[in-house]
Amino acid sequence: MNVELTRFRVKEGKSEIVDEWLKFLNDNMEDVLLTLEGEKMYVETIFREQLNGHEYLYWYSIQGENGQDVQASSHWIDKKHIEYWKECIDERFKPVDLKTEVVMIPNDIRKSLM
């Protein structure tokens, strides 16, 4: 099981498109949740922050081993998600993977995830 939190910088001037992107995901949650099964994604959460004049999105996830990469998906929701990603995420900024120090998941929940 992989537990991750990664920070990505948003391109300058793309805040309104990020608003649209996050609304799109929330408005289409039923289809979003369908795609998570193939990825073995148990939990995926997006956080947003303004820091030192820059906007960031953080992805927190709990994922099983050997899940399908979102890039390999043919589902329309993933294709649209990737379009937003390419438009909004600043690839010049190296993503920051925060270090996992403690994972607190009760055993009964952990077993049901795996």
PDB file of N, CA and C in Angstrom:
ATOM      1  N   MET A   1       0.852  -1.170   0.000  1.00  0.00           N
ATOM      2  CA  MET A   1       0.000   0.000   0.000  1.00  0.00           C
ATOM      3  C   MET A   1       0.898   1.233   0.000  1.00  0.00           C
ATOM      4  N   ASN A   2       0.576   2.183  -0.876  1.00  0.00           N
ATOM      5  CA  ASN A   2       1.324   3.433  -0.986  1.00  0.00           C
ATOM      6  C   ASN A   2       0.486   4.575  -0.432  1.00  0.00           C
ATOM      7  N   VAL A   3       1.051   5.319   0.501  1.00  0.00           N
ATOM      8  CA  VAL A   3       0.410   6.514   1.048  1.00  0.00           C
ATOM      9  C   VAL A   3       1.286   7.686   0.662  1.00  0.00           C
ATOM     10  N   GLU A   4       0.723   8.639  -0.093  1.00  0.00           N
ATOM     11  CA  GLU A   4       1.532   9.733  -0.634  1.00  0.00           C
ATOM     12  C   GLU A   4       0.830  11.079  -0.498  1.00  0.00           C
ATOM     13  N   LEU A   5       1.661  12.104  -0.383  1.00  0.00           N
ATOM     14  CA  LEU A   5       1.201  13.483  -0.462  1.00  0.00           C
ATOM     15  C   LEU A   5       2.219  14.228  -1.313  1.00  0.00           C
ATOM     16  N   THR A   6       1.764  14.768  -2.434  1.00  0.00           N
ATOM     17  CA  THR A   6       2.650  15.431  -3.389  1.00  0.00           C
ATOM     18  C   THR A   6       2.112  16.815  -3.714  1.00  0.00           C
ATOM     19  N   ARG A   7       3.041  17.791  -3.788  1.00  0.00           N
ATOM     20  CA  ARG A   7       2.682  19.170  -4.115  1.00  0.00           C
ATOM     21  C   ARG A   7       3.087  19.486  -5.552  1.00  0.00           C
ATOM     22  N   PHE A   8       2.141  20.085  -6.291  1.00  0.00           N
ATOM     23  CA  PHE A   8       2.362  20.506  -7.667  1.00  0.00           C
ATOM     24  C   PHE A   8       2.065  21.994  -7.779  1.00  0.00           C
ATOM     25  N   ARG A   9       2.885  22.714  -8.521  1.00  0.00           N
ATOM     26  CA  ARG A   9       2.646  24.143  -8.714  1.00  0.00           C
ATOM     27  C   ARG A   9       1.701  24.358  -9.895  1.00  0.00           C
ATOM     28  N   VAL A  10       0.771  25.268  -9.709  1.00  0.00           N
ATOM     29  CA  VAL A  10      -0.166  25.661 -10.761  1.00  0.00           C
ATOM     30  C   VAL A  10       0.493  26.743 -11.616  1.00  0.00           C
ATOM     31  N   LYS A  11       0.308  26.666 -12.923  1.00  0.00           N
ATOM     32  CA  LYS A  11       0.820  27.688 -13.832  1.00  0.00           C
ATOM     33  C   LYS A  11       0.193  29.035 -13.503  1.00  0.00           C
ATOM     34  N   GLU A  12       0.979  30.086 -13.677  1.00  0.00           N
ATOM     35  CA  GLU A  12       0.483  31.445 -13.448  1.00  0.00           C
ATOM     36  C   GLU A  12      -0.738  31.703 -14.329  1.00  0.00           C
ATOM     37  N   GLY A  13      -1.752  32.359 -13.765  1.00  0.00           N
ATOM     38  CA  GLY A  13      -2.934  32.741 -14.517  1.00  0.00           C
ATOM     39  C   GLY A  13      -3.937  31.623 -14.761  1.00  0.00           C
ATOM     40  N   LYS A  14      -3.758  30.468 -14.129  1.00  0.00           N
ATOM     41  CA  LYS A  14      -4.642  29.330 -14.379  1.00  0.00           C
ATOM     42  C   LYS A  14      -5.614  29.040 -13.227  1.00  0.00           C
ATOM     43  N   SER A  15      -5.724  29.944 -12.264  1.00  0.00           N
ATOM     44  CA  SER A  15      -6.594  29.705 -11.106  1.00  0.00           C
ATOM     45  C   SER A  15      -8.045  29.467 -11.499  1.00  0.00           C
ATOM     46  N   GLU A  16      -8.542  30.229 -12.464  1.00  0.00           N
ATOM     47  CA  GLU A  16      -9.938  30.042 -12.887  1.00  0.00           C
ATOM     48  C   GLU A  16     -10.138  28.689 -13.564  1.00  0.00           C
ATOM     49  N   ILE A  17      -9.137  28.246 -14.306  1.00  0.00           N
ATOM     50  CA  ILE A  17      -9.226  26.923 -14.936  1.00  0.00           C
ATOM     51  C   ILE A  17      -9.153  25.840 -13.852  1.00  0.00           C
ATOM     52  N   VAL A  18      -8.352  26.053 -12.809  1.00  0.00           N
ATOM     53  CA  VAL A  18      -8.305  25.104 -11.696  1.00  0.00           C
ATOM     54  C   VAL A  18      -9.676  25.033 -11.027  1.00  0.00           C
ATOM     55  N   ASP A  19     -10.324  26.198 -10.838  1.00  0.00           N
ATOM     56  CA  ASP A  19     -11.691  26.206 -10.294  1.00  0.00           C
ATOM     57  C   ASP A  19     -12.598  25.311 -11.133  1.00  0.00           C
ATOM     58  N   GLU A  20     -12.517  25.483 -12.440  1.00  0.00           N
ATOM     59  CA  GLU A  20     -13.330  24.699 -13.383  1.00  0.00           C
ATOM     60  C   GLU A  20     -13.000  23.212 -13.274  1.00  0.00           C
ATOM     61  N   TRP A  21     -11.711  22.880 -13.188  1.00  0.00           N
ATOM     62  CA  TRP A  21     -11.235  21.508 -13.092  1.00  0.00           C
ATOM     63  C   TRP A  21     -11.785  20.823 -11.836  1.00  0.00           C
ATOM     64  N   LEU A  22     -11.640  21.487 -10.693  1.00  0.00           N
ATOM     65  CA  LEU A  22     -12.092  20.895  -9.442  1.00  0.00           C
ATOM     66  C   LEU A  22     -13.612  20.759  -9.410  1.00  0.00           C
ATOM     67  N   LYS A  23     -14.310  21.734  -9.985  1.00  0.00           N
ATOM     68  CA  LYS A  23     -15.767  21.647 -10.106  1.00  0.00           C
ATOM     69  C   LYS A  23     -16.146  20.470 -11.000  1.00  0.00           C
ATOM     70  N   PHE A  24     -15.426  20.308 -12.105  1.00  0.00           N
ATOM     71  CA  PHE A  24     -15.655  19.186 -13.019  1.00  0.00           C
ATOM     72  C   PHE A  24     -15.536  17.850 -12.275  1.00  0.00           C
ATOM     73  N   LEU A  25     -14.486  17.695 -11.476  1.00  0.00           N
ATOM     74  CA  LEU A  25     -14.302  16.449 -10.729  1.00  0.00           C
ATOM     75  C   LEU A  25     -15.439  16.244  -9.729  1.00  0.00           C
ATOM     76  N   ASN A  26     -15.783  17.295  -8.993  1.00  0.00           N
ATOM     77  CA  ASN A  26     -16.880  17.185  -8.018  1.00  0.00           C
ATOM     78  C   ASN A  26     -18.219  16.900  -8.692  1.00  0.00           C
ATOM     79  N   ASP A  27     -18.474  17.551  -9.816  1.00  0.00           N
ATOM     80  CA  ASP A  27     -19.747  17.376 -10.522  1.00  0.00           C
ATOM     81  C   ASP A  27     -19.888  16.012 -11.177  1.00  0.00           C
ATOM     82  N   ASN A  28     -18.767  15.352 -11.419  1.00  0.00           N
ATOM     83  CA  ASN A  28     -18.770  14.047 -12.091  1.00  0.00           C
ATOM     84  C   ASN A  28     -18.223  12.947 -11.182  1.00  0.00           C
ATOM     85  N   MET A  29     -18.474  13.088  -9.888  1.00  0.00           N
ATOM     86  CA  MET A  29     -17.869  12.184  -8.908  1.00  0.00           C
ATOM     87  C   MET A  29     -18.228  10.718  -9.141  1.00  0.00           C
ATOM     88  N   GLU A  30     -19.428  10.439  -9.600  1.00  0.00           N
ATOM     89  CA  GLU A  30     -19.805   9.042  -9.841  1.00  0.00           C
ATOM     90  C   GLU A  30     -18.858   8.388 -10.847  1.00  0.00           C
ATOM     91  N   ASP A  31     -18.556   9.085 -11.943  1.00  0.00           N
ATOM     92  CA  ASP A  31     -17.630   8.547 -12.946  1.00  0.00           C
ATOM     93  C   ASP A  31     -16.197   8.557 -12.434  1.00  0.00           C
ATOM     94  N   VAL A  32     -15.827   9.589 -11.682  1.00  0.00           N
ATOM     95  CA  VAL A  32     -14.482   9.638 -11.099  1.00  0.00           C
ATOM     96  C   VAL A  32     -14.246   8.408 -10.233  1.00  0.00           C
ATOM     97  N   LEU A  33     -15.202   8.086  -9.389  1.00  0.00           N
ATOM     98  CA  LEU A  33     -15.049   6.947  -8.485  1.00  0.00           C
ATOM     99  C   LEU A  33     -14.927   5.626  -9.238  1.00  0.00           C
ATOM    100  N   LEU A  34     -15.609   5.518 -10.376  1.00  0.00           N
ATOM    101  CA  LEU A  34     -15.489   4.302 -11.194  1.00  0.00           C
ATOM    102  C   LEU A  34     -14.057   4.082 -11.678  1.00  0.00           C
ATOM    103  N   THR A  35     -13.376   5.151 -12.017  1.00  0.00           N
ATOM    104  CA  THR A  35     -12.021   5.023 -12.566  1.00  0.00           C
ATOM    105  C   THR A  35     -10.997   4.661 -11.498  1.00  0.00           C
ATOM    106  N   LEU A  36     -11.316   4.947 -10.241  1.00  0.00           N
ATOM    107  CA  LEU A  36     -10.358   4.679  -9.171  1.00  0.00           C
ATOM    108  C   LEU A  36     -10.135   3.190  -8.943  1.00  0.00           C
ATOM    109  N   GLU A  37     -11.131   2.378  -9.255  1.00  0.00           N
ATOM    110  CA  GLU A  37     -10.996   0.934  -9.038  1.00  0.00           C
ATOM    111  C   GLU A  37      -9.821   0.345  -9.809  1.00  0.00           C
ATOM    112  N   GLY A  38      -9.718   0.663 -11.093  1.00  0.00           N
ATOM    113  CA  GLY A  38      -8.626   0.142 -11.913  1.00  0.00           C
ATOM    114  C   GLY A  38      -7.261   0.630 -11.460  1.00  0.00           C
ATOM    115  N   GLU A  39      -7.235   1.800 -10.860  1.00  0.00           N
ATOM    116  CA  GLU A  39      -5.983   2.362 -10.357  1.00  0.00           C
ATOM    117  C   GLU A  39      -5.622   1.804  -8.980  1.00  0.00           C
ATOM    118  N   LYS A  40      -6.533   1.012  -8.406  1.00  0.00           N
ATOM    119  CA  LYS A  40      -6.402   0.543  -7.024  1.00  0.00           C
ATOM    120  C   LYS A  40      -6.211   1.726  -6.077  1.00  0.00           C
ATOM    121  N   MET A  41      -6.926   2.806  -6.395  1.00  0.00           N
ATOM    122  CA  MET A  41      -6.857   4.020  -5.600  1.00  0.00           C
ATOM    123  C   MET A  41      -7.964   3.961  -4.559  1.00  0.00           C
ATOM    124  N   TYR A  42      -7.574   3.809  -3.310  1.00  0.00           N
ATOM    125  CA  TYR A  42      -8.541   3.677  -2.226  1.00  0.00           C
ATOM    126  C   TYR A  42      -9.022   5.037  -1.741  1.00  0.00           C
ATOM    127  N   VAL A  43      -8.107   6.009  -1.698  1.00  0.00           N
ATOM    128  CA  VAL A  43      -8.426   7.367  -1.274  1.00  0.00           C
ATOM    129  C   VAL A  43      -7.612   8.306  -2.144  1.00  0.00           C
ATOM    130  N   GLU A  44      -8.264   9.323  -2.682  1.00  0.00           N
ATOM    131  CA  GLU A  44      -7.548  10.369  -3.420  1.00  0.00           C
ATOM    132  C   GLU A  44      -8.211  11.688  -3.071  1.00  0.00           C
ATOM    133  N   THR A  45      -7.419  12.606  -2.588  1.00  0.00           N
ATOM    134  CA  THR A  45      -7.923  13.899  -2.150  1.00  0.00           C
ATOM    135  C   THR A  45      -7.022  14.983  -2.715  1.00  0.00           C
ATOM    136  N   ILE A  46      -7.635  16.066  -3.185  1.00  0.00           N
ATOM    137  CA  ILE A  46      -6.875  17.199  -3.711  1.00  0.00           C
ATOM    138  C   ILE A  46      -7.057  18.379  -2.764  1.00  0.00           C
ATOM    139  N   PHE A  47      -5.941  18.962  -2.361  1.00  0.00           N
ATOM    140  CA  PHE A  47      -5.936  20.170  -1.535  1.00  0.00           C
ATOM    141  C   PHE A  47      -5.381  21.316  -2.365  1.00  0.00           C
ATOM    142  N   ARG A  48      -5.712  22.532  -1.972  1.00  0.00           N
ATOM    143  CA  ARG A  48      -5.295  23.718  -2.719  1.00  0.00           C
ATOM    144  C   ARG A  48      -4.718  24.735  -1.742  1.00  0.00           C
ATOM    145  N   GLU A  49      -3.634  25.420  -2.169  1.00  0.00           N
ATOM    146  CA  GLU A  49      -2.995  26.388  -1.287  1.00  0.00           C
ATOM    147  C   GLU A  49      -2.367  27.524  -2.085  1.00  0.00           C
ATOM    148  N   GLN A  50      -2.420  28.711  -1.519  1.00  0.00           N
ATOM    149  CA  GLN A  50      -1.658  29.860  -2.001  1.00  0.00           C
ATOM    150  C   GLN A  50      -0.480  30.014  -1.044  1.00  0.00           C
ATOM    151  N   LEU A  51       0.747  30.059  -1.568  1.00  0.00           N
ATOM    152  CA  LEU A  51       1.926  30.146  -0.733  1.00  0.00           C
ATOM    153  C   LEU A  51       2.988  30.995  -1.426  1.00  0.00           C
ATOM    154  N   ASN A  52       3.397  32.065  -0.774  1.00  0.00           N
ATOM    155  CA  ASN A  52       4.457  32.940  -1.313  1.00  0.00           C
ATOM    156  C   ASN A  52       4.179  33.385  -2.743  1.00  0.00           C
ATOM    157  N   GLY A  53       2.933  33.729  -3.021  1.00  0.00           N
ATOM    158  CA  GLY A  53       2.581  34.239  -4.339  1.00  0.00           C
ATOM    159  C   GLY A  53       2.358  33.184  -5.408  1.00  0.00           C
ATOM    160  N   HIS A  54       2.388  31.932  -5.037  1.00  0.00           N
ATOM    161  CA  HIS A  54       2.160  30.850  -5.996  1.00  0.00           C
ATOM    162  C   HIS A  54       1.005  29.991  -5.513  1.00  0.00           C
ATOM    163  N   GLU A  55       0.338  29.374  -6.480  1.00  0.00           N
ATOM    164  CA  GLU A  55      -0.752  28.457  -6.154  1.00  0.00           C
ATOM    165  C   GLU A  55      -0.260  27.027  -6.318  1.00  0.00           C
ATOM    166  N   TYR A  56      -0.685  26.170  -5.384  1.00  0.00           N
ATOM    167  CA  TYR A  56      -0.285  24.762  -5.410  1.00  0.00           C
ATOM    168  C   TYR A  56      -1.507  23.872  -5.233  1.00  0.00           C
ATOM    169  N   LEU A  57      -1.427  22.705  -5.853  1.00  0.00           N
ATOM    170  CA  LEU A  57      -2.376  21.635  -5.595  1.00  0.00           C
ATOM    171  C   LEU A  57      -1.596  20.491  -4.972  1.00  0.00           C
ATOM    172  N   TYR A  58      -2.200  19.884  -3.962  1.00  0.00           N
ATOM    173  CA  TYR A  58      -1.604  18.749  -3.272  1.00  0.00           C
ATOM    174  C   TYR A  58      -2.483  17.527  -3.511  1.00  0.00           C
ATOM    175  N   TRP A  59      -1.860  16.422  -3.867  1.00  0.00           N
ATOM    176  CA  TRP A  59      -2.578  15.164  -4.040  1.00  0.00           C
ATOM    177  C   TRP A  59      -2.209  14.253  -2.881  1.00  0.00           C
ATOM    178  N   TYR A  60      -3.225  13.857  -2.109  1.00  0.00           N
ATOM    179  CA  TYR A  60      -3.051  12.874  -1.043  1.00  0.00           C
ATOM    180  C   TYR A  60      -3.718  11.596  -1.518  1.00  0.00           C
ATOM    181  N   SER A  61      -3.007  10.483  -1.409  1.00  0.00           N
ATOM    182  CA  SER A  61      -3.606   9.237  -1.885  1.00  0.00           C
ATOM    183  C   SER A  61      -3.166   8.044  -1.051  1.00  0.00           C
ATOM    184  N   ILE A  62      -4.064   7.087  -1.028  1.00  0.00           N
ATOM    185  CA  ILE A  62      -3.772   5.754  -0.502  1.00  0.00           C
ATOM    186  C   ILE A  62      -4.101   4.815  -1.658  1.00  0.00           C
ATOM    187  N   GLN A  63      -3.076   4.111  -2.121  1.00  0.00           N
ATOM    188  CA  GLN A  63      -3.223   3.306  -3.332  1.00  0.00           C
ATOM    189  C   GLN A  63      -2.619   1.925  -3.125  1.00  0.00           C
ATOM    190  N   GLY A  64      -3.286   0.923  -3.674  1.00  0.00           N
ATOM    191  CA  GLY A  64      -2.767  -0.430  -3.641  1.00  0.00           C
ATOM    192  C   GLY A  64      -1.646  -0.607  -4.649  1.00  0.00           C
ATOM    193  N   GLU A  65      -1.003  -1.731  -4.566  1.00  0.00           N
ATOM    194  CA  GLU A  65       0.110  -2.047  -5.473  1.00  0.00           C
ATOM    195  C   GLU A  65      -0.400  -2.410  -6.870  1.00  0.00           C
ATOM    196  N   ASN A  66       0.362  -2.040  -7.887  1.00  0.00           N
ATOM    197  CA  ASN A  66       0.136  -2.434  -9.280  1.00  0.00           C
ATOM    198  C   ASN A  66      -1.184  -1.937  -9.868  1.00  0.00           C
ATOM    199  N   GLY A  67      -1.602  -0.756  -9.473  1.00  0.00           N
ATOM    200  CA  GLY A  67      -2.793  -0.165 -10.075  1.00  0.00           C
ATOM    201  C   GLY A  67      -2.478   0.408 -11.445  1.00  0.00           C
ATOM    202  N   GLN A  68      -3.515   0.556 -12.254  1.00  0.00           N
ATOM    203  CA  GLN A  68      -3.372   1.133 -13.596  1.00  0.00           C
ATOM    204  C   GLN A  68      -3.008   2.611 -13.475  1.00  0.00           C
ATOM    205  N   ASP A  69      -2.076   3.069 -14.282  1.00  0.00           N
ATOM    206  CA  ASP A  69      -1.711   4.482 -14.332  1.00  0.00           C
ATOM    207  C   ASP A  69      -2.830   5.252 -15.021  1.00  0.00           C
ATOM    208  N   VAL A  70      -3.166   6.412 -14.487  1.00  0.00           N
ATOM    209  CA  VAL A  70      -4.247   7.224 -15.067  1.00  0.00           C
ATOM    210  C   VAL A  70      -3.970   7.529 -16.537  1.00  0.00           C
ATOM    211  N   GLN A  71      -2.707   7.644 -16.911  1.00  0.00           N
ATOM    212  CA  GLN A  71      -2.342   7.924 -18.303  1.00  0.00           C
ATOM    213  C   GLN A  71      -2.765   6.793 -19.250  1.00  0.00           C
ATOM    214  N   ALA A  72      -2.883   5.584 -18.722  1.00  0.00           N
ATOM    215  CA  ALA A  72      -3.246   4.428 -19.545  1.00  0.00           C
ATOM    216  C   ALA A  72      -4.755   4.253 -19.674  1.00  0.00           C
ATOM    217  N   SER A  73      -5.506   5.045 -18.940  1.00  0.00           N
ATOM    218  CA  SER A  73      -6.964   4.897 -18.937  1.00  0.00           C
ATOM    219  C   SER A  73      -7.578   5.402 -20.239  1.00  0.00           C
ATOM    220  N   SER A  74      -8.619   4.720 -20.683  1.00  0.00           N
ATOM    221  CA  SER A  74      -9.355   5.165 -21.869  1.00  0.00           C
ATOM    222  C   SER A  74     -10.683   5.816 -21.473  1.00  0.00           C
ATOM    223  N   HIS A  75     -10.947   5.913 -20.187  1.00  0.00           N
ATOM    224  CA  HIS A  75     -12.206   6.488 -19.699  1.00  0.00           C
ATOM    225  C   HIS A  75     -12.232   7.993 -19.981  1.00  0.00           C
ATOM    226  N   TRP A  76     -13.388   8.489 -20.424  1.00  0.00           N
ATOM    227  CA  TRP A  76     -13.507   9.902 -20.795  1.00  0.00           C
ATOM    228  C   TRP A  76     -13.178  10.836 -19.636  1.00  0.00           C
ATOM    229  N   ILE A  77     -13.486  10.451 -18.415  1.00  0.00           N
ATOM    230  CA  ILE A  77     -13.247  11.333 -17.266  1.00  0.00           C
ATOM    231  C   ILE A  77     -11.742  11.499 -17.035  1.00  0.00           C
ATOM    232  N   ASP A  78     -10.978  10.420 -17.225  1.00  0.00           N
ATOM    233  CA  ASP A  78      -9.526  10.508 -17.064  1.00  0.00           C
ATOM    234  C   ASP A  78      -8.895  11.320 -18.186  1.00  0.00           C
ATOM    235  N   LYS A  79      -9.407  11.167 -19.391  1.00  0.00           N
ATOM    236  CA  LYS A  79      -8.882  11.956 -20.511  1.00  0.00           C
ATOM    237  C   LYS A  79      -9.084  13.457 -20.265  1.00  0.00           C
ATOM    238  N   LYS A  80     -10.263  13.829 -19.773  1.00  0.00           N
ATOM    239  CA  LYS A  80     -10.542  15.235 -19.465  1.00  0.00           C
ATOM    240  C   LYS A  80      -9.682  15.711 -18.292  1.00  0.00           C
ATOM    241  N   HIS A  81      -9.513  14.862 -17.295  1.00  0.00           N
ATOM    242  CA  HIS A  81      -8.672  15.164 -16.138  1.00  0.00           C
ATOM    243  C   HIS A  81      -7.236  15.459 -16.596  1.00  0.00           C
ATOM    244  N   ILE A  82      -6.714  14.648 -17.497  1.00  0.00           N
ATOM    245  CA  ILE A  82      -5.355  14.840 -18.016  1.00  0.00           C
ATOM    246  C   ILE A  82      -5.262  16.134 -18.830  1.00  0.00           C
ATOM    247  N   GLU A  83      -6.308  16.467 -19.576  1.00  0.00           N
ATOM    248  CA  GLU A  83      -6.326  17.742 -20.304  1.00  0.00           C
ATOM    249  C   GLU A  83      -6.180  18.916 -19.337  1.00  0.00           C
ATOM    250  N   TYR A  84      -6.963  18.896 -18.263  1.00  0.00           N
ATOM    251  CA  TYR A  84      -6.860  19.954 -17.250  1.00  0.00           C
ATOM    252  C   TYR A  84      -5.454  19.975 -16.649  1.00  0.00           C
ATOM    253  N   TRP A  85      -4.934  18.795 -16.340  1.00  0.00           N
ATOM    254  CA  TRP A  85      -3.594  18.695 -15.767  1.00  0.00           C
ATOM    255  C   TRP A  85      -2.578  19.401 -16.657  1.00  0.00           C
ATOM    256  N   LYS A  86      -2.582  19.058 -17.936  1.00  0.00           N
ATOM    257  CA  LYS A  86      -1.613  19.642 -18.872  1.00  0.00           C
ATOM    258  C   LYS A  86      -1.768  21.149 -18.980  1.00  0.00           C
ATOM    259  N   GLU A  87      -2.989  21.639 -18.882  1.00  0.00           N
ATOM    260  CA  GLU A  87      -3.222  23.078 -18.979  1.00  0.00           C
ATOM    261  C   GLU A  87      -2.822  23.816 -17.703  1.00  0.00           C
ATOM    262  N   CYS A  88      -2.959  23.165 -16.553  1.00  0.00           N
ATOM    263  CA  CYS A  88      -2.833  23.879 -15.280  1.00  0.00           C
ATOM    264  C   CYS A  88      -1.561  23.615 -14.482  1.00  0.00           C
ATOM    265  N   ILE A  89      -0.971  22.441 -14.595  1.00  0.00           N
ATOM    266  CA  ILE A  89       0.174  22.095 -13.750  1.00  0.00           C
ATOM    267  C   ILE A  89       1.473  22.541 -14.415  1.00  0.00           C
ATOM    268  N   ASP A  90       2.280  23.267 -13.663  1.00  0.00           N
ATOM    269  CA  ASP A  90       3.552  23.799 -14.146  1.00  0.00           C
ATOM    270  C   ASP A  90       4.607  22.696 -14.099  1.00  0.00           C
ATOM    271  N   GLU A  91       4.915  22.128 -15.245  1.00  0.00           N
ATOM    272  CA  GLU A  91       5.873  21.029 -15.337  1.00  0.00           C
ATOM    273  C   GLU A  91       7.312  21.492 -15.097  1.00  0.00           C
ATOM    274  N   ARG A  92       7.550  22.806 -15.129  1.00  0.00           N
ATOM    275  CA  ARG A  92       8.899  23.327 -14.858  1.00  0.00           C
ATOM    276  C   ARG A  92       9.234  23.246 -13.375  1.00  0.00           C
ATOM    277  N   PHE A  93       8.210  23.176 -12.539  1.00  0.00           N
ATOM    278  CA  PHE A  93       8.386  23.062 -11.093  1.00  0.00           C
ATOM    279  C   PHE A  93       8.394  21.584 -10.728  1.00  0.00           C
ATOM    280  N   LYS A  94       9.475  21.134 -10.116  1.00  0.00           N
ATOM    281  CA  LYS A  94       9.566  19.723  -9.742  1.00  0.00           C
ATOM    282  C   LYS A  94       8.571  19.438  -8.623  1.00  0.00           C
ATOM    283  N   PRO A  95       7.682  18.438  -8.808  1.00  0.00           N
ATOM    284  CA  PRO A  95       6.745  18.085  -7.740  1.00  0.00           C
ATOM    285  C   PRO A  95       7.494  17.721  -6.462  1.00  0.00           C
ATOM    286  N   VAL A  96       6.891  18.032  -5.335  1.00  0.00           N
ATOM    287  CA  VAL A  96       7.501  17.737  -4.048  1.00  0.00           C
ATOM    288  C   VAL A  96       6.706  16.617  -3.382  1.00  0.00           C
ATOM    289  N   ASP A  97       7.366  15.486  -3.169  1.00  0.00           N
ATOM    290  CA  ASP A  97       6.758  14.380  -2.435  1.00  0.00           C
ATOM    291  C   ASP A  97       7.100  14.569  -0.968  1.00  0.00           C
ATOM    292  N   LEU A  98       6.077  14.810  -0.161  1.00  0.00           N
ATOM    293  CA  LEU A  98       6.309  14.936   1.266  1.00  0.00           C
ATOM    294  C   LEU A  98       6.605  13.564   1.836  1.00  0.00           C
ATOM    295  N   LYS A  99       7.455  13.519   2.843  1.00  0.00           N
ATOM    296  CA  LYS A  99       7.893  12.255   3.414  1.00  0.00           C
ATOM    297  C   LYS A  99       6.828  11.694   4.356  1.00  0.00           C
ATOM    298  N   THR A 100       6.443  10.461   4.114  1.00  0.00           N
ATOM    299  CA  THR A 100       5.494   9.779   4.990  1.00  0.00           C
ATOM    300  C   THR A 100       6.232   9.334   6.241  1.00  0.00           C
ATOM    301  N   GLU A 101       5.757   9.780   7.386  1.00  0.00           N
ATOM    302  CA  GLU A 101       6.390   9.442   8.661  1.00  0.00           C
ATOM    303  C   GLU A 101       5.571   8.437   9.466  1.00  0.00           C
ATOM    304  N   VAL A 102       4.258   8.611   9.473  1.00  0.00           N
ATOM    305  CA  VAL A 102       3.391   7.748  10.262  1.00  0.00           C
ATOM    306  C   VAL A 102       2.113   7.520   9.466  1.00  0.00           C
ATOM    307  N   VAL A 103       1.674   6.289   9.369  1.00  0.00           N
ATOM    308  CA  VAL A 103       0.405   5.953   8.722  1.00  0.00           C
ATOM    309  C   VAL A 103      -0.479   5.332   9.791  1.00  0.00           C
ATOM    310  N   MET A 104      -1.583   6.005  10.059  1.00  0.00           N
ATOM    311  CA  MET A 104      -2.497   5.541  11.108  1.00  0.00           C
ATOM    312  C   MET A 104      -3.804   5.086  10.470  1.00  0.00           C
ATOM    313  N   ILE A 105      -3.872   3.810  10.176  1.00  0.00           N
ATOM    314  CA  ILE A 105      -5.073   3.202   9.619  1.00  0.00           C
ATOM    315  C   ILE A 105      -5.367   1.973  10.476  1.00  0.00           C
ATOM    316  N   PRO A 106      -6.511   1.944  11.130  1.00  0.00           N
ATOM    317  CA  PRO A 106      -6.832   0.769  11.947  1.00  0.00           C
ATOM    318  C   PRO A 106      -6.766  -0.517  11.110  1.00  0.00           C
ATOM    319  N   ASN A 107      -6.366  -1.607  11.767  1.00  0.00           N
ATOM    320  CA  ASN A 107      -6.165  -2.882  11.063  1.00  0.00           C
ATOM    321  C   ASN A 107      -7.380  -3.357  10.286  1.00  0.00           C
ATOM    322  N   ASP A 108      -8.592  -3.203  10.839  1.00  0.00           N
ATOM    323  CA  ASP A 108      -9.775  -3.683  10.124  1.00  0.00           C
ATOM    324  C   ASP A 108      -9.997  -2.889   8.837  1.00  0.00           C
ATOM    325  N   ILE A 109      -9.706  -1.607   8.861  1.00  0.00           N
ATOM    326  CA  ILE A 109      -9.834  -0.782   7.657  1.00  0.00           C
ATOM    327  C   ILE A 109      -8.711  -1.111   6.686  1.00  0.00           C
ATOM    328  N   ARG A 110      -7.510  -1.251   7.182  1.00  0.00           N
ATOM    329  CA  ARG A 110      -6.350  -1.606   6.342  1.00  0.00           C
ATOM    330  C   ARG A 110      -6.620  -2.921   5.600  1.00  0.00           C
ATOM    331  N   LYS A 111      -7.158  -3.922   6.315  1.00  0.00           N
ATOM    332  CA  LYS A 111      -7.465  -5.220   5.688  1.00  0.00           C
ATOM    333  C   LYS A 111      -8.525  -5.067   4.598  1.00  0.00           C
ATOM    334  N   SER A 112      -9.511  -4.231   4.835  1.00  0.00           N
ATOM    335  CA  SER A 112     -10.556  -4.056   3.822  1.00  0.00           C
ATOM    336  C   SER A 112     -10.041  -3.306   2.600  1.00  0.00           C
ATOM    337  N   LEU A 113      -9.001  -2.495   2.756  1.00  0.00           N
ATOM    338  CA  LEU A 113      -8.403  -1.800   1.630  1.00  0.00           C
ATOM    339  C   LEU A 113      -7.604  -2.748   0.753  1.00  0.00           C
ATOM    340  N   MET A 114      -7.001  -3.702   1.359  1.00  0.00           N
ATOM    341  CA  MET A 114      -6.117  -4.604   0.624  1.00  0.00           C
ATOM    342  C   MET A 114      -6.929  -5.789   0.220  1.00  0.00           C
TER     343      MET A 114
END
